[in-house]
Amino acid sequence: MSHISSQAEHLQMRYVGTGHSDITKFEWAVNQHRDSFSSYIGHVPMMNFIALVENESVGRVRYRLLEKMLQPCGKPPKVDSE
């Protein structure tokens, strides 16, 4: 069992989006949104589809998605220091 947990710890240290035991709901949501936006940007057919549906240019859609990656879920919630 310890071998599996050590593998999980190694993956969590190596890849930011895999989370950890102390991850908050907000951090998890931010990771999910950023992963989705980067996937949309990286797959040209998906970008073309989004641009077609929104009647926008591909460049404008890419720019908007890149902007959303900065704060995809808004400002982080205030943390109570207890």
C-alpha atoms as a PDB file:
ATOM      1  CA  MET A   1       0.000   0.000   0.000  1.00  0.00           C
ATOM      2  CA  SER A   2       2.844   2.414   0.748  1.00  0.00           C
ATOM      3  CA  HIS A   3       4.223   1.926  -2.766  1.00  0.00           C
ATOM      4  CA  ILE A   4       0.960   3.177  -4.266  1.00  0.00           C
ATOM      5  CA  SER A   5       0.829   6.200  -1.968  1.00  0.00           C
ATOM      6  CA  SER A   6       4.445   7.068  -2.751  1.00  0.00           C
ATOM      7  CA  GLN A   7       3.633   6.931  -6.479  1.00  0.00           C
ATOM      8  CA  ALA A   8       0.674   9.247  -5.914  1.00  0.00           C
ATOM      9  CA  GLU A   9       2.854  11.665  -3.952  1.00  0.00           C
ATOM     10  CA  HIS A  10       5.439  11.637  -6.749  1.00  0.00           C
ATOM     11  CA  LEU A  11       2.768  12.429  -9.367  1.00  0.00           C
ATOM     12  CA  GLN A  12       1.322  15.212  -7.210  1.00  0.00           C
ATOM     13  CA  MET A  13       4.749  16.803  -6.842  1.00  0.00           C
ATOM     14  CA  ARG A  14       5.467  16.490 -10.567  1.00  0.00           C
ATOM     15  CA  TYR A  15       2.131  17.659 -11.992  1.00  0.00           C
ATOM     16  CA  VAL A  16       0.417  20.701 -10.477  1.00  0.00           C
ATOM     17  CA  GLY A  17      -3.093  19.788 -11.668  1.00  0.00           C
ATOM     18  CA  THR A  18      -3.241  16.431  -9.898  1.00  0.00           C
ATOM     19  CA  GLY A  19      -3.938  18.075  -6.567  1.00  0.00           C
ATOM     20  CA  HIS A  20      -2.927  17.003  -3.084  1.00  0.00           C
ATOM     21  CA  SER A  21      -4.588  16.130   0.201  1.00  0.00           C
ATOM     22  CA  ASP A  22      -4.952  19.788   1.276  1.00  0.00           C
ATOM     23  CA  ILE A  23      -6.328  21.216  -1.993  1.00  0.00           C
ATOM     24  CA  THR A  24      -9.343  23.487  -1.613  1.00  0.00           C
ATOM     25  CA  LYS A  25     -12.463  23.379  -3.757  1.00  0.00           C
ATOM     26  CA  PHE A  26     -11.469  26.706  -5.283  1.00  0.00           C
ATOM     27  CA  GLU A  27      -7.973  25.510  -6.254  1.00  0.00           C
ATOM     28  CA  TRP A  28      -9.433  22.323  -7.732  1.00  0.00           C
ATOM     29  CA  ALA A  29     -11.957  24.321  -9.793  1.00  0.00           C
ATOM     30  CA  VAL A  30      -9.215  26.667 -11.036  1.00  0.00           C
ATOM     31  CA  ASN A  31      -7.113  23.674 -12.151  1.00  0.00           C
ATOM     32  CA  GLN A  32     -10.106  22.150 -13.963  1.00  0.00           C
ATOM     33  CA  HIS A  33     -10.949  25.385 -15.767  1.00  0.00           C
ATOM     34  CA  ARG A  34      -7.345  26.024 -16.812  1.00  0.00           C
ATOM     35  CA  ASP A  35      -6.988  22.460 -18.083  1.00  0.00           C
ATOM     36  CA  SER A  36     -10.176  22.846 -20.118  1.00  0.00           C
ATOM     37  CA  PHE A  37      -9.163  26.205 -21.600  1.00  0.00           C
ATOM     38  CA  SER A  38      -5.697  24.933 -22.522  1.00  0.00           C
ATOM     39  CA  SER A  39      -7.268  21.897 -24.172  1.00  0.00           C
ATOM     40  CA  TYR A  40      -9.607  24.112 -26.216  1.00  0.00           C
ATOM     41  CA  ILE A  41      -6.687  26.300 -27.289  1.00  0.00           C
ATOM     42  CA  GLY A  42      -4.517  23.308 -28.161  1.00  0.00           C
ATOM     43  CA  HIS A  43      -7.097  21.559 -30.351  1.00  0.00           C
ATOM     44  CA  VAL A  44      -7.586  23.594 -33.530  1.00  0.00           C
ATOM     45  CA  PRO A  45     -10.900  21.933 -34.540  1.00  0.00           C
ATOM     46  CA  MET A  46     -12.351  22.813 -31.133  1.00  0.00           C
ATOM     47  CA  MET A  47     -11.183  26.424 -31.494  1.00  0.00           C
ATOM     48  CA  ASN A  48     -12.743  26.571 -34.971  1.00  0.00           C
ATOM     49  CA  PHE A  49     -16.007  25.199 -33.604  1.00  0.00           C
ATOM     50  CA  ILE A  50     -16.142  27.711 -30.733  1.00  0.00           C
ATOM     51  CA  ALA A  51     -15.346  30.586 -33.113  1.00  0.00           C
ATOM     52  CA  LEU A  52     -18.028  29.443 -35.544  1.00  0.00           C
ATOM     53  CA  VAL A  53     -20.701  29.069 -32.859  1.00  0.00           C
ATOM     54  CA  GLU A  54     -19.893  32.447 -31.291  1.00  0.00           C
ATOM     55  CA  ASN A  55     -19.486  34.135 -34.695  1.00  0.00           C
ATOM     56  CA  GLU A  56     -16.044  35.435 -33.682  1.00  0.00           C
ATOM     57  CA  SER A  57     -12.596  35.116 -35.206  1.00  0.00           C
ATOM     58  CA  VAL A  58     -10.364  32.288 -34.005  1.00  0.00           C
ATOM     59  CA  GLY A  59      -7.776  34.788 -32.789  1.00  0.00           C
ATOM     60  CA  ARG A  60     -10.315  36.641 -30.687  1.00  0.00           C
ATOM     61  CA  VAL A  61     -11.584  33.395 -29.130  1.00  0.00           C
ATOM     62  CA  ARG A  62      -8.005  32.305 -28.367  1.00  0.00           C
ATOM     63  CA  TYR A  63      -7.249  35.686 -26.765  1.00  0.00           C
ATOM     64  CA  ARG A  64     -10.421  35.542 -24.645  1.00  0.00           C
ATOM     65  CA  LEU A  65      -9.621  32.010 -23.439  1.00  0.00           C
ATOM     66  CA  LEU A  66      -6.051  33.024 -22.596  1.00  0.00           C
ATOM     67  CA  GLU A  67      -7.387  35.962 -20.575  1.00  0.00           C
ATOM     68  CA  LYS A  68      -9.772  33.665 -18.720  1.00  0.00           C
ATOM     69  CA  MET A  69      -6.858  31.472 -17.674  1.00  0.00           C
ATOM     70  CA  LEU A  70      -5.561  34.233 -15.380  1.00  0.00           C
ATOM     71  CA  GLN A  71      -8.512  34.026 -12.979  1.00  0.00           C
ATOM     72  CA  PRO A  72     -10.943  31.459 -14.385  1.00  0.00           C
ATOM     73  CA  CYS A  73     -13.082  31.295 -11.238  1.00  0.00           C
ATOM     74  CA  GLY A  74     -12.786  34.904 -10.109  1.00  0.00           C
ATOM     75  CA  LYS A  75     -10.823  36.171  -7.168  1.00  0.00           C
ATOM     76  CA  PRO A  76      -9.769  33.612  -4.569  1.00  0.00           C
ATOM     77  CA  PRO A  77     -11.881  33.496  -1.416  1.00  0.00           C
ATOM     78  CA  LYS A  78     -10.558  35.134   1.717  1.00  0.00           C
ATOM     79  CA  VAL A  79      -8.793  32.680   4.022  1.00  0.00           C
ATOM     80  CA  ASP A  80      -9.499  32.868   7.728  1.00  0.00           C
ATOM     81  CA  SER A  81      -6.205  32.702   9.587  1.00  0.00           C
ATOM     82  CA  GLU A  82      -7.043  30.643  12.637  1.00  0.00           C
END
